[in-house]
Amino acid sequence: MEINLISDTVTKPTKEMLEVMMTAEVGDDVFNDDPTVNKLQQKVANMFGMEAALFFPSGTMANQTAIKLHTQPGDRIFCDKWAHVYNYEGGGAAFNSGVTCKLIDGERGMFTANNLKEAVAGRADIHVPYSRLVCIENTTNKGGGACWNFDELIRIKEVCQKNNLQYHLDGARLFNALVEKSETPEQYGELFDTISICLSKGLGAPVGSVLVGSKKHIEKAFRIRKLFGGAMRQVGILAAAGIYALDNHVDRLKEDHRKARMIEDVLSSLPYIKKVEPVETNIIIFYVSDDLDSSVFIKKMIDKGIFLTSMGEGKIRIVIHLDFTGEMLDKLLAELKKIKL
């Protein structure tokens, strides 16, 4: 039995999801003529209480489109030093939009309104870039699935408004945060100028992300998506999977979180584990002791048919997803307990 926990992107469509994909009504989305895509976009826009939405082939493209529509070359954006838009999108902010990133030294991928005030403060003359955009990632990937405090997000919004900054949310795993914190999409829709959500992570769709915002922003995003090569044709087959995921796979995220906390409990009890980051959602990040090299540990697990991933800086990551069964959980916990220094 192979257990793949490198990410929650490794899931396969369920039988029911495949059925709706195979029977989806399709058209040419480049001409806004795919009814299933249009249904997905309207569904997500309504869900967040925002004016419009646009379907993308990837979360990276959705985020990069948001950065481009909010900025001009030479501008500056603000994000945490662990933010996905800075670390894991191939340098796209610089390549696609010609902007620089002012990195904020937050905690587990999250900074405060006061941190942002300090980052924004200072000279504002021809020697420094224009400040344009703040990017938030919720939940934080490199921060171990941590959830932002919503009141702090409100305070950050106030700093944005005072400094004429746009506010974008990389919500790749936002639904994990919503389920865990008992928050609603509408709360986030009221707060952010644009939001990207991913359908192919915890929600289990095979492909796709959605960018939501004002009608004006999404009209501009439609052109940028074309520029980036993201315009698709009969993509309703994939949009149908996204609709199914939103209708059926949100509440079940609680089960992923429960399994993650069970793994956290076991890891915390093992002598070869140096540290486990607090687990809130479906990501577990931990460090093995100095006597056990992380690459050696990962190899030991691979030999048992269990696949984990390194996040650098000694971090090892486990990500729980809908294909991770109770039987797999039992095997993982048993194998973790067998590891010796």
C-alpha atoms as a PDB file:
ATOM      1  CA  MET A   1       0.000   0.000   0.000  1.00  0.00           C
ATOM      2  CA  GLU A   2       1.539   3.279  -1.158  1.00  0.00           C
ATOM      3  CA  ILE A   3       0.821   6.357   0.950  1.00  0.00           C
ATOM      4  CA  ASN A   4       1.469   9.658  -0.804  1.00  0.00           C
ATOM      5  CA  LEU A   5       1.473  12.597   1.602  1.00  0.00           C
ATOM      6  CA  ILE A   6       3.707  15.020  -0.296  1.00  0.00           C
ATOM      7  CA  SER A   7       0.713  17.305  -0.918  1.00  0.00           C
ATOM      8  CA  ASP A   8      -3.069  17.431  -1.052  1.00  0.00           C
ATOM      9  CA  THR A   9      -2.743  17.875  -4.816  1.00  0.00           C
ATOM     10  CA  VAL A  10      -2.136  14.144  -5.338  1.00  0.00           C
ATOM     11  CA  THR A  11      -5.794  13.118  -5.054  1.00  0.00           C
ATOM     12  CA  LYS A  12      -7.735  11.356  -7.796  1.00  0.00           C
ATOM     13  CA  PRO A  13     -11.303  12.363  -8.725  1.00  0.00           C
ATOM     14  CA  THR A  14     -13.921  10.311  -6.914  1.00  0.00           C
ATOM     15  CA  LYS A  15     -16.299   8.130  -8.904  1.00  0.00           C
ATOM     16  CA  GLU A  16     -19.096  10.665  -8.392  1.00  0.00           C
ATOM     17  CA  MET A  17     -16.856  13.533  -9.492  1.00  0.00           C
ATOM     18  CA  LEU A  18     -15.863  11.662 -12.640  1.00  0.00           C
ATOM     19  CA  GLU A  19     -19.516  11.093 -13.481  1.00  0.00           C
ATOM     20  CA  VAL A  20     -20.362  14.813 -13.381  1.00  0.00           C
ATOM     21  CA  MET A  21     -17.227  15.580 -15.390  1.00  0.00           C
ATOM     22  CA  MET A  22     -18.168  13.128 -18.123  1.00  0.00           C
ATOM     23  CA  THR A  23     -21.705  14.517 -18.423  1.00  0.00           C
ATOM     24  CA  ALA A  24     -20.791  18.211 -18.209  1.00  0.00           C
ATOM     25  CA  GLU A  25     -22.279  20.591 -20.758  1.00  0.00           C
ATOM     26  CA  VAL A  26     -19.424  22.391 -22.488  1.00  0.00           C
ATOM     27  CA  GLY A  27     -18.741  25.224 -24.914  1.00  0.00           C
ATOM     28  CA  ASP A  28     -15.837  27.475 -25.881  1.00  0.00           C
ATOM     29  CA  ASP A  29     -14.712  29.335 -22.779  1.00  0.00           C
ATOM     30  CA  VAL A  30     -12.455  31.696 -24.747  1.00  0.00           C
ATOM     31  CA  PHE A  31     -15.727  33.217 -25.967  1.00  0.00           C
ATOM     32  CA  ASN A  32     -17.355  32.985 -22.503  1.00  0.00           C
ATOM     33  CA  ASP A  33     -19.508  30.242 -24.007  1.00  0.00           C
ATOM     34  CA  ASP A  34     -18.918  27.290 -21.696  1.00  0.00           C
ATOM     35  CA  PRO A  35     -22.050  27.029 -19.532  1.00  0.00           C
ATOM     36  CA  THR A  36     -20.423  24.890 -16.847  1.00  0.00           C
ATOM     37  CA  VAL A  37     -17.500  27.281 -16.461  1.00  0.00           C
ATOM     38  CA  ASN A  38     -19.923  30.181 -16.268  1.00  0.00           C
ATOM     39  CA  LYS A  39     -21.887  28.311 -13.605  1.00  0.00           C
ATOM     40  CA  LEU A  40     -18.737  27.696 -11.548  1.00  0.00           C
ATOM     41  CA  GLN A  41     -17.640  31.313 -11.829  1.00  0.00           C
ATOM     42  CA  GLN A  42     -21.044  32.628 -10.787  1.00  0.00           C
ATOM     43  CA  LYS A  43     -21.193  30.120  -7.938  1.00  0.00           C
ATOM     44  CA  VAL A  44     -17.866  31.230  -6.494  1.00  0.00           C
ATOM     45  CA  ALA A  45     -18.642  34.930  -6.946  1.00  0.00           C
ATOM     46  CA  ASN A  46     -21.947  34.476  -5.123  1.00  0.00           C
ATOM     47  CA  MET A  47     -20.290  32.412  -2.415  1.00  0.00           C
ATOM     48  CA  PHE A  48     -17.894  35.264  -1.585  1.00  0.00           C
ATOM     49  CA  GLY A  49     -20.416  38.024  -2.182  1.00  0.00           C
ATOM     50  CA  MET A  50     -18.212  39.491  -4.910  1.00  0.00           C
ATOM     51  CA  GLU A  51     -19.154  40.711  -8.359  1.00  0.00           C
ATOM     52  CA  ALA A  52     -17.334  38.286 -10.645  1.00  0.00           C
ATOM     53  CA  ALA A  53     -14.969  35.335 -10.878  1.00  0.00           C
ATOM     54  CA  LEU A  54     -12.650  33.718 -13.425  1.00  0.00           C
ATOM     55  CA  PHE A  55     -11.544  30.086 -13.751  1.00  0.00           C
ATOM     56  CA  PHE A  56      -7.792  29.418 -14.075  1.00  0.00           C
ATOM     57  CA  PRO A  57      -5.748  26.289 -14.803  1.00  0.00           C
ATOM     58  CA  SER A  58      -3.598  26.863 -11.701  1.00  0.00           C
ATOM     59  CA  GLY A  59      -3.370  28.788  -8.456  1.00  0.00           C
ATOM     60  CA  THR A  60      -0.035  30.240  -9.488  1.00  0.00           C
ATOM     61  CA  MET A  61      -1.579  31.764 -12.608  1.00  0.00           C
ATOM     62  CA  ALA A  62      -4.493  33.147 -10.595  1.00  0.00           C
ATOM     63  CA  ASN A  63      -2.133  34.760  -8.081  1.00  0.00           C
ATOM     64  CA  GLN A  64       0.183  36.097 -10.765  1.00  0.00           C
ATOM     65  CA  THR A  65      -2.779  37.558 -12.617  1.00  0.00           C
ATOM     66  CA  ALA A  66      -3.922  39.297  -9.436  1.00  0.00           C
ATOM     67  CA  ILE A  67      -0.466  40.790  -8.916  1.00  0.00           C
ATOM     68  CA  LYS A  68      -0.349  42.039 -12.503  1.00  0.00           C
ATOM     69  CA  LEU A  69      -3.796  43.610 -12.469  1.00  0.00           C
ATOM     70  CA  HIS A  70      -3.004  45.512  -9.242  1.00  0.00           C
ATOM     71  CA  THR A  71       0.492  46.762 -10.181  1.00  0.00           C
ATOM     72  CA  GLN A  72       2.728  48.334 -12.790  1.00  0.00           C
ATOM     73  CA  PRO A  73       6.381  47.420 -13.508  1.00  0.00           C
ATOM     74  CA  GLY A  74       8.649  48.965 -10.904  1.00  0.00           C
ATOM     75  CA  ASP A  75       6.029  48.825  -8.139  1.00  0.00           C
ATOM     76  CA  ARG A  76       6.444  47.080  -4.804  1.00  0.00           C
ATOM     77  CA  ILE A  77       4.280  44.464  -3.119  1.00  0.00           C
ATOM     78  CA  PHE A  78       4.305  43.354   0.520  1.00  0.00           C
ATOM     79  CA  CYS A  79       4.136  39.738   1.678  1.00  0.00           C
ATOM     80  CA  ASP A  80       5.485  37.471   4.364  1.00  0.00           C
ATOM     81  CA  LYS A  81       8.942  36.000   3.838  1.00  0.00           C
ATOM     82  CA  TRP A  82       7.330  32.540   3.627  1.00  0.00           C
ATOM     83  CA  ALA A  83       4.569  33.566   1.209  1.00  0.00           C
ATOM     84  CA  HIS A  84       3.810  31.255  -1.708  1.00  0.00           C
ATOM     85  CA  VAL A  85       3.730  34.150  -4.200  1.00  0.00           C
ATOM     86  CA  TYR A  86       7.370  34.852  -3.346  1.00  0.00           C
ATOM     87  CA  ASN A  87       8.833  31.402  -2.664  1.00  0.00           C
ATOM     88  CA  TYR A  88       6.996  28.959  -4.905  1.00  0.00           C
ATOM     89  CA  GLU A  89       5.772  30.717  -8.028  1.00  0.00           C
ATOM     90  CA  GLY A  90       9.014  30.672  -9.984  1.00  0.00           C
ATOM     91  CA  GLY A  91       9.851  34.336  -9.471  1.00  0.00           C
ATOM     92  CA  GLY A  92       6.687  35.180 -11.375  1.00  0.00           C
ATOM     93  CA  ALA A  93       6.087  38.506  -9.608  1.00  0.00           C
ATOM     94  CA  ALA A  94       9.365  39.808 -11.024  1.00  0.00           C
ATOM     95  CA  PHE A  95       9.130  38.041 -14.385  1.00  0.00           C
ATOM     96  CA  ASN A  96       5.471  38.660 -15.197  1.00  0.00           C
ATOM     97  CA  SER A  97       4.812  41.994 -13.505  1.00  0.00           C
ATOM     98  CA  GLY A  98       8.239  43.546 -12.970  1.00  0.00           C
ATOM     99  CA  VAL A  99       7.572  44.201  -9.296  1.00  0.00           C
ATOM    100  CA  THR A 100       9.758  43.801  -6.231  1.00  0.00           C
ATOM    101  CA  CYS A 101       8.695  42.061  -3.009  1.00  0.00           C
ATOM    102  CA  LYS A 102       9.134  43.709   0.352  1.00  0.00           C
ATOM    103  CA  LEU A 103       9.343  40.707   2.663  1.00  0.00           C
ATOM    104  CA  ILE A 104       7.924  40.920   6.168  1.00  0.00           C
ATOM    105  CA  ASP A 105       9.438  38.804   8.931  1.00  0.00           C
ATOM    106  CA  GLY A 106       6.257  37.324  10.338  1.00  0.00           C
ATOM    107  CA  GLU A 107       5.517  34.232  12.415  1.00  0.00           C
ATOM    108  CA  ARG A 108       4.712  30.990  10.563  1.00  0.00           C
ATOM    109  CA  GLY A 109       3.906  32.947   7.415  1.00  0.00           C
ATOM    110  CA  MET A 110       1.716  35.524   9.155  1.00  0.00           C
ATOM    111  CA  PHE A 111       2.515  39.147   9.993  1.00  0.00           C
ATOM    112  CA  THR A 112       0.642  41.835  11.909  1.00  0.00           C
ATOM    113  CA  ALA A 113      -0.796  45.200  11.017  1.00  0.00           C
ATOM    114  CA  ASN A 114       2.045  46.806  12.973  1.00  0.00           C
ATOM    115  CA  ASN A 115       4.572  44.803  10.937  1.00  0.00           C
ATOM    116  CA  LEU A 116       2.963  46.156   7.778  1.00  0.00           C
ATOM    117  CA  LYS A 117       2.989  49.729   9.100  1.00  0.00           C
ATOM    118  CA  GLU A 118       6.723  49.449   9.700  1.00  0.00           C
ATOM    119  CA  ALA A 119       7.312  47.984   6.241  1.00  0.00           C
ATOM    120  CA  VAL A 120       5.309  50.712   4.502  1.00  0.00           C
ATOM    121  CA  ALA A 121       6.789  53.593   6.511  1.00  0.00           C
ATOM    122  CA  GLY A 122       9.752  55.603   5.326  1.00  0.00           C
ATOM    123  CA  ARG A 123      10.709  57.723   2.391  1.00  0.00           C
ATOM    124  CA  ALA A 124       8.387  58.003  -0.579  1.00  0.00           C
ATOM    125  CA  ASP A 125      10.467  59.754  -3.220  1.00  0.00           C
ATOM    126  CA  ILE A 126      11.918  58.847  -6.600  1.00  0.00           C
ATOM    127  CA  HIS A 127      14.507  56.563  -5.001  1.00  0.00           C
ATOM    128  CA  VAL A 128      11.978  53.952  -3.835  1.00  0.00           C
ATOM    129  CA  PRO A 129       9.269  51.953  -5.614  1.00  0.00           C
ATOM    130  CA  TYR A 130       5.596  52.826  -5.436  1.00  0.00           C
ATOM    131  CA  SER A 131       3.853  50.672  -2.821  1.00  0.00           C
ATOM    132  CA  ARG A 132       0.816  49.021  -4.422  1.00  0.00           C
ATOM    133  CA  LEU A 133      -0.276  45.669  -3.024  1.00  0.00           C
ATOM    134  CA  VAL A 134      -0.391  43.473   0.072  1.00  0.00           C
ATOM    135  CA  CYS A 135      -0.581  39.684  -0.399  1.00  0.00           C
ATOM    136  CA  ILE A 136      -1.842  37.358   2.332  1.00  0.00           C
ATOM    137  CA  GLU A 137      -1.714  33.538   2.237  1.00  0.00           C
ATOM    138  CA  ASN A 138      -4.358  31.666   4.228  1.00  0.00           C
ATOM    139  CA  THR A 139      -3.725  28.987   5.298  1.00  0.00           C
ATOM    140  CA  THR A 140       0.050  29.329   5.265  1.00  0.00           C
ATOM    141  CA  ASN A 141       1.758  26.508   3.396  1.00  0.00           C
ATOM    142  CA  LYS A 142       5.292  26.859   4.726  1.00  0.00           C
ATOM    143  CA  GLY A 143       3.826  27.850   8.092  1.00  0.00           C
ATOM    144  CA  GLY A 144       2.225  24.430   8.484  1.00  0.00           C
ATOM    145  CA  GLY A 145      -1.382  25.153   7.562  1.00  0.00           C
ATOM    146  CA  ALA A 146      -1.689  27.979  10.090  1.00  0.00           C
ATOM    147  CA  CYS A 147      -4.818  30.157  10.001  1.00  0.00           C
ATOM    148  CA  TRP A 148      -4.694  33.937  10.193  1.00  0.00           C
ATOM    149  CA  ASN A 149      -6.593  35.716  12.945  1.00  0.00           C
ATOM    150  CA  PHE A 150      -9.473  37.430  11.160  1.00  0.00           C
ATOM    151  CA  ASP A 151      -9.386  40.479  13.413  1.00  0.00           C
ATOM    152  CA  GLU A 152      -5.732  40.955  12.442  1.00  0.00           C
ATOM    153  CA  LEU A 153      -6.701  40.744   8.763  1.00  0.00           C
ATOM    154  CA  ILE A 154      -9.187  43.556   9.416  1.00  0.00           C
ATOM    155  CA  ARG A 155      -6.457  45.661  11.028  1.00  0.00           C
ATOM    156  CA  ILE A 156      -4.179  44.992   8.033  1.00  0.00           C
ATOM    157  CA  LYS A 157      -6.999  46.159   5.758  1.00  0.00           C
ATOM    158  CA  GLU A 158      -7.088  49.454   7.663  1.00  0.00           C
ATOM    159  CA  VAL A 159      -3.358  49.920   7.024  1.00  0.00           C
ATOM    160  CA  CYS A 160      -3.962  49.173   3.345  1.00  0.00           C
ATOM    161  CA  GLN A 161      -6.703  51.779   3.131  1.00  0.00           C
ATOM    162  CA  LYS A 162      -4.578  54.446   4.837  1.00  0.00           C
ATOM    163  CA  ASN A 163      -1.724  53.791   2.426  1.00  0.00           C
ATOM    164  CA  ASN A 164      -3.726  53.277  -0.789  1.00  0.00           C
ATOM    165  CA  LEU A 165      -2.704  49.612  -1.042  1.00  0.00           C
ATOM    166  CA  GLN A 166      -4.712  46.892  -2.736  1.00  0.00           C
ATOM    167  CA  TYR A 167      -5.340  43.702  -0.761  1.00  0.00           C
ATOM    168  CA  HIS A 168      -5.055  40.222  -2.320  1.00  0.00           C
ATOM    169  CA  LEU A 169      -5.665  36.865  -0.642  1.00  0.00           C
ATOM    170  CA  ASP A 170      -3.902  33.749  -1.844  1.00  0.00           C
ATOM    171  CA  GLY A 171      -6.601  31.424  -0.547  1.00  0.00           C
ATOM    172  CA  ALA A 172      -5.183  28.190  -1.943  1.00  0.00           C
ATOM    173  CA  ARG A 173      -6.329  26.420   1.233  1.00  0.00           C
ATOM    174  CA  LEU A 174      -8.816  29.009   2.412  1.00  0.00           C
ATOM    175  CA  PHE A 175     -11.599  26.466   2.862  1.00  0.00           C
ATOM    176  CA  ASN A 176      -9.447  24.642   5.419  1.00  0.00           C
ATOM    177  CA  ALA A 177      -9.306  27.888   7.403  1.00  0.00           C
ATOM    178  CA  LEU A 178     -13.040  28.525   6.984  1.00  0.00           C
ATOM    179  CA  VAL A 179     -13.921  25.076   8.292  1.00  0.00           C
ATOM    180  CA  GLU A 180     -11.459  25.209  11.166  1.00  0.00           C
ATOM    181  CA  LYS A 181     -12.299  28.761  12.298  1.00  0.00           C
ATOM    182  CA  SER A 182     -16.048  28.656  11.560  1.00  0.00           C
ATOM    183  CA  GLU A 183     -15.694  31.630   9.234  1.00  0.00           C
ATOM    184  CA  THR A 184     -17.563  32.350   6.000  1.00  0.00           C
ATOM    185  CA  PRO A 185     -16.512  33.173   2.435  1.00  0.00           C
ATOM    186  CA  GLU A 186     -18.594  36.372   2.651  1.00  0.00           C
ATOM    187  CA  GLN A 187     -16.395  37.684   5.457  1.00  0.00           C
ATOM    188  CA  TYR A 188     -13.373  37.421   3.208  1.00  0.00           C
ATOM    189  CA  GLY A 189     -15.202  38.795   0.196  1.00  0.00           C
ATOM    190  CA  GLU A 190     -16.010  41.957   2.129  1.00  0.00           C
ATOM    191  CA  LEU A 191     -12.374  42.404   3.154  1.00  0.00           C
ATOM    192  CA  PHE A 192     -10.200  41.669   0.123  1.00  0.00           C
ATOM    193  CA  ASP A 193     -10.010  43.274  -3.314  1.00  0.00           C
ATOM    194  CA  THR A 194      -9.209  39.936  -4.965  1.00  0.00           C
ATOM    195  CA  ILE A 195      -9.136  36.343  -3.734  1.00  0.00           C
ATOM    196  CA  SER A 196      -7.779  33.211  -5.376  1.00  0.00           C
ATOM    197  CA  ILE A 197      -9.068  29.813  -4.264  1.00  0.00           C
ATOM    198  CA  CYS A 198      -7.721  26.428  -5.306  1.00  0.00           C
ATOM    199  CA  LEU A 199     -10.006  23.546  -6.227  1.00  0.00           C
ATOM    200  CA  SER A 200      -7.280  20.916  -6.616  1.00  0.00           C
ATOM    201  CA  LYS A 201      -5.912  20.831  -3.067  1.00  0.00           C
ATOM    202  CA  GLY A 202      -8.098  19.872  -0.104  1.00  0.00           C
ATOM    203  CA  LEU A 203     -11.246  20.037  -2.209  1.00  0.00           C
ATOM    204  CA  GLY A 204      -9.984  17.235  -4.427  1.00  0.00           C
ATOM    205  CA  ALA A 205     -10.692  18.478  -7.958  1.00  0.00           C
ATOM    206  CA  PRO A 206      -8.078  17.435 -10.542  1.00  0.00           C
ATOM    207  CA  VAL A 207      -7.280  20.932 -11.860  1.00  0.00           C
ATOM    208  CA  GLY A 208      -8.177  24.531 -11.356  1.00  0.00           C
ATOM    209  CA  SER A 209      -8.347  27.709  -9.305  1.00  0.00           C
ATOM    210  CA  VAL A 210     -10.752  30.637  -9.316  1.00  0.00           C
ATOM    211  CA  LEU A 211      -9.991  34.342  -8.936  1.00  0.00           C
ATOM    212  CA  VAL A 212     -12.786  36.503  -7.509  1.00  0.00           C
ATOM    213  CA  GLY A 213     -13.077  40.273  -7.362  1.00  0.00           C
ATOM    214  CA  SER A 214     -14.920  43.251  -8.771  1.00  0.00           C
ATOM    215  CA  LYS A 215     -16.324  43.153 -12.293  1.00  0.00           C
ATOM    216  CA  LYS A 216     -13.631  45.634 -13.346  1.00  0.00           C
ATOM    217  CA  HIS A 217     -10.838  43.503 -11.892  1.00  0.00           C
ATOM    218  CA  ILE A 218     -12.119  40.296 -13.474  1.00  0.00           C
ATOM    219  CA  GLU A 219     -12.524  41.939 -16.890  1.00  0.00           C
ATOM    220  CA  LYS A 220      -8.864  42.910 -16.673  1.00  0.00           C
ATOM    221  CA  ALA A 221      -7.957  39.451 -15.373  1.00  0.00           C
ATOM    222  CA  PHE A 222      -9.676  37.895 -18.400  1.00  0.00           C
ATOM    223  CA  ARG A 223      -7.243  39.726 -20.692  1.00  0.00           C
ATOM    224  CA  ILE A 224      -4.216  38.918 -18.499  1.00  0.00           C
ATOM    225  CA  ARG A 225      -5.147  35.230 -18.408  1.00  0.00           C
ATOM    226  CA  LYS A 226      -5.125  35.258 -22.212  1.00  0.00           C
ATOM    227  CA  LEU A 227      -1.747  37.003 -22.182  1.00  0.00           C
ATOM    228  CA  PHE A 228      -0.369  34.325 -19.834  1.00  0.00           C
ATOM    229  CA  GLY A 229      -1.653  31.539 -22.094  1.00  0.00           C
ATOM    230  CA  GLY A 230      -4.367  30.449 -19.695  1.00  0.00           C
ATOM    231  CA  ALA A 231      -7.404  30.778 -21.955  1.00  0.00           C
ATOM    232  CA  MET A 232      -9.047  27.370 -22.346  1.00  0.00           C
ATOM    233  CA  ARG A 233     -11.711  25.892 -24.606  1.00  0.00           C
ATOM    234  CA  GLN A 234     -14.153  23.114 -23.563  1.00  0.00           C
ATOM    235  CA  VAL A 235     -12.981  23.327 -19.980  1.00  0.00           C
ATOM    236  CA  GLY A 236     -16.423  22.754 -18.483  1.00  0.00           C
ATOM    237  CA  ILE A 237     -15.297  19.164 -17.896  1.00  0.00           C
ATOM    238  CA  LEU A 238     -12.899  20.518 -15.263  1.00  0.00           C
ATOM    239  CA  ALA A 239     -15.270  23.190 -14.004  1.00  0.00           C
ATOM    240  CA  ALA A 240     -17.822  20.480 -13.269  1.00  0.00           C
ATOM    241  CA  ALA A 241     -15.295  18.846 -10.949  1.00  0.00           C
ATOM    242  CA  GLY A 242     -14.870  22.173  -9.185  1.00  0.00           C
ATOM    243  CA  ILE A 243     -18.615  22.572  -8.698  1.00  0.00           C
ATOM    244  CA  TYR A 244     -18.867  19.047  -7.330  1.00  0.00           C
ATOM    245  CA  ALA A 245     -15.953  19.693  -4.961  1.00  0.00           C
ATOM    246  CA  LEU A 246     -17.514  22.868  -3.581  1.00  0.00           C
ATOM    247  CA  ASP A 247     -20.835  21.097  -3.078  1.00  0.00           C
ATOM    248  CA  ASN A 248     -19.471  17.907  -1.501  1.00  0.00           C
ATOM    249  CA  HIS A 249     -15.906  18.239  -0.230  1.00  0.00           C
ATOM    250  CA  VAL A 250     -15.855  21.285   2.045  1.00  0.00           C
ATOM    251  CA  ASP A 251     -17.279  19.940   5.307  1.00  0.00           C
ATOM    252  CA  ARG A 252     -15.206  16.766   5.033  1.00  0.00           C
ATOM    253  CA  LEU A 253     -12.037  18.863   5.469  1.00  0.00           C
ATOM    254  CA  LYS A 254     -12.696  18.523   9.201  1.00  0.00           C
ATOM    255  CA  GLU A 255     -11.789  14.841   8.857  1.00  0.00           C
ATOM    256  CA  ASP A 256      -8.407  15.756   7.349  1.00  0.00           C
ATOM    257  CA  HIS A 257      -7.766  18.094  10.269  1.00  0.00           C
ATOM    258  CA  ARG A 258      -8.674  15.371  12.772  1.00  0.00           C
ATOM    259  CA  LYS A 259      -6.235  12.917  11.196  1.00  0.00           C
ATOM    260  CA  ALA A 260      -3.516  15.586  11.110  1.00  0.00           C
ATOM    261  CA  ARG A 261      -3.880  16.183  14.843  1.00  0.00           C
ATOM    262  CA  MET A 262      -3.633  12.441  15.510  1.00  0.00           C
ATOM    263  CA  ILE A 263      -0.328  12.392  13.610  1.00  0.00           C
ATOM    264  CA  GLU A 264       0.817  15.478  15.533  1.00  0.00           C
ATOM    265  CA  ASP A 265       0.145  13.685  18.831  1.00  0.00           C
ATOM    266  CA  VAL A 266       2.202  10.653  17.827  1.00  0.00           C
ATOM    267  CA  LEU A 267       5.087  12.679  16.388  1.00  0.00           C
ATOM    268  CA  SER A 268       5.258  14.770  19.558  1.00  0.00           C
ATOM    269  CA  SER A 269       5.757  11.609  21.605  1.00  0.00           C
ATOM    270  CA  LEU A 270       8.638  10.170  19.562  1.00  0.00           C
ATOM    271  CA  PRO A 271      12.232  10.539  20.812  1.00  0.00           C
ATOM    272  CA  TYR A 272      13.707  11.296  17.378  1.00  0.00           C
ATOM    273  CA  ILE A 273      11.394  14.246  16.735  1.00  0.00           C
ATOM    274  CA  LYS A 274      12.871  17.590  17.734  1.00  0.00           C
ATOM    275  CA  LYS A 275       9.868  19.811  17.086  1.00  0.00           C
ATOM    276  CA  VAL A 276       6.361  19.701  15.624  1.00  0.00           C
ATOM    277  CA  GLU A 277       4.734  22.934  14.512  1.00  0.00           C
ATOM    278  CA  PRO A 278       1.247  23.458  15.963  1.00  0.00           C
ATOM    279  CA  VAL A 279      -1.305  21.709  13.751  1.00  0.00           C
ATOM    280  CA  GLU A 280      -4.492  23.589  12.906  1.00  0.00           C
ATOM    281  CA  THR A 281      -5.580  22.170   9.571  1.00  0.00           C
ATOM    282  CA  ASN A 282      -4.296  19.467   7.205  1.00  0.00           C
ATOM    283  CA  ILE A 283      -0.549  20.198   7.168  1.00  0.00           C
ATOM    284  CA  ILE A 284       1.985  18.833   9.638  1.00  0.00           C
ATOM    285  CA  ILE A 285       5.499  20.303   9.641  1.00  0.00           C
ATOM    286  CA  PHE A 286       8.098  18.754  11.903  1.00  0.00           C
ATOM    287  CA  TYR A 287      11.847  18.475  12.467  1.00  0.00           C
ATOM    288  CA  VAL A 288      13.811  15.336  13.267  1.00  0.00           C
ATOM    289  CA  SER A 289      16.581  15.397  15.856  1.00  0.00           C
ATOM    290  CA  ASP A 290      20.112  16.407  14.953  1.00  0.00           C
ATOM    291  CA  ASP A 291      21.157  12.739  15.165  1.00  0.00           C
ATOM    292  CA  LEU A 292      18.846  11.805  12.272  1.00  0.00           C
ATOM    293  CA  ASP A 293      19.334  13.615   8.978  1.00  0.00           C
ATOM    294  CA  SER A 294      16.005  14.654   7.454  1.00  0.00           C
ATOM    295  CA  SER A 295      16.901  13.165   4.053  1.00  0.00           C
ATOM    296  CA  VAL A 296      17.711   9.851   5.739  1.00  0.00           C
ATOM    297  CA  PHE A 297      14.368   9.920   7.535  1.00  0.00           C
ATOM    298  CA  ILE A 298      12.486  10.638   4.299  1.00  0.00           C
ATOM    299  CA  LYS A 299      14.350   7.748   2.615  1.00  0.00           C
ATOM    300  CA  LYS A 300      13.408   5.406   5.463  1.00  0.00           C
ATOM    301  CA  MET A 301       9.749   6.319   4.964  1.00  0.00           C
ATOM    302  CA  ILE A 302       9.956   5.890   1.187  1.00  0.00           C
ATOM    303  CA  ASP A 303      11.312   2.393   1.763  1.00  0.00           C
ATOM    304  CA  LYS A 304       8.054   1.726   3.649  1.00  0.00           C
ATOM    305  CA  GLY A 305       5.977   3.086   0.777  1.00  0.00           C
ATOM    306  CA  ILE A 306       5.281   6.404   2.530  1.00  0.00           C
ATOM    307  CA  PHE A 307       6.092   9.593   0.660  1.00  0.00           C
ATOM    308  CA  LEU A 308       6.737  12.856   2.511  1.00  0.00           C
ATOM    309  CA  THR A 309       8.481  16.007   1.333  1.00  0.00           C
ATOM    310  CA  SER A 310      11.211  18.360   2.500  1.00  0.00           C
ATOM    311  CA  MET A 311      10.404  22.060   2.793  1.00  0.00           C
ATOM    312  CA  GLY A 312      14.035  23.094   3.303  1.00  0.00           C
ATOM    313  CA  GLU A 313      15.573  24.440   6.507  1.00  0.00           C
ATOM    314  CA  GLY A 314      15.157  21.000   8.048  1.00  0.00           C
ATOM    315  CA  LYS A 315      11.371  21.054   7.685  1.00  0.00           C
ATOM    316  CA  ILE A 316       9.540  17.856   6.758  1.00  0.00           C
ATOM    317  CA  ARG A 317       5.940  18.147   5.601  1.00  0.00           C
ATOM    318  CA  ILE A 318       2.967  15.790   5.693  1.00  0.00           C
ATOM    319  CA  VAL A 319      -0.249  16.876   3.985  1.00  0.00           C
ATOM    320  CA  ILE A 320      -3.521  15.055   4.633  1.00  0.00           C
ATOM    321  CA  HIS A 321      -6.108  14.729   1.864  1.00  0.00           C
ATOM    322  CA  LEU A 322      -9.317  12.931   0.941  1.00  0.00           C
ATOM    323  CA  ASP A 323      -7.512   9.873  -0.475  1.00  0.00           C
ATOM    324  CA  PHE A 324      -5.765   9.257   2.876  1.00  0.00           C
ATOM    325  CA  THR A 325      -7.793   6.461   4.445  1.00  0.00           C
ATOM    326  CA  GLY A 326      -8.067   5.249   8.022  1.00  0.00           C
ATOM    327  CA  GLU A 327      -6.045   2.165   7.066  1.00  0.00           C
ATOM    328  CA  MET A 328      -3.294   4.394   5.695  1.00  0.00           C
ATOM    329  CA  LEU A 329      -3.344   6.433   8.904  1.00  0.00           C
ATOM    330  CA  ASP A 330      -2.842   3.288  10.986  1.00  0.00           C
ATOM    331  CA  LYS A 331       0.091   2.202   8.825  1.00  0.00           C
ATOM    332  CA  LEU A 332       1.720   5.639   8.948  1.00  0.00           C
ATOM    333  CA  LEU A 333       1.488   5.839  12.730  1.00  0.00           C
ATOM    334  CA  ALA A 334       2.849   2.307  13.113  1.00  0.00           C
ATOM    335  CA  GLU A 335       5.823   2.996  10.836  1.00  0.00           C
ATOM    336  CA  LEU A 336       6.630   6.292  12.577  1.00  0.00           C
ATOM    337  CA  LYS A 337       6.819   4.429  15.892  1.00  0.00           C
ATOM    338  CA  LYS A 338       9.250   1.882  14.423  1.00  0.00           C
ATOM    339  CA  ILE A 339      11.890   4.408  13.336  1.00  0.00           C
ATOM    340  CA  LYS A 340      15.100   4.190  15.369  1.00  0.00           C
ATOM    341  CA  LEU A 341      17.988   6.633  15.624  1.00  0.00           C
END
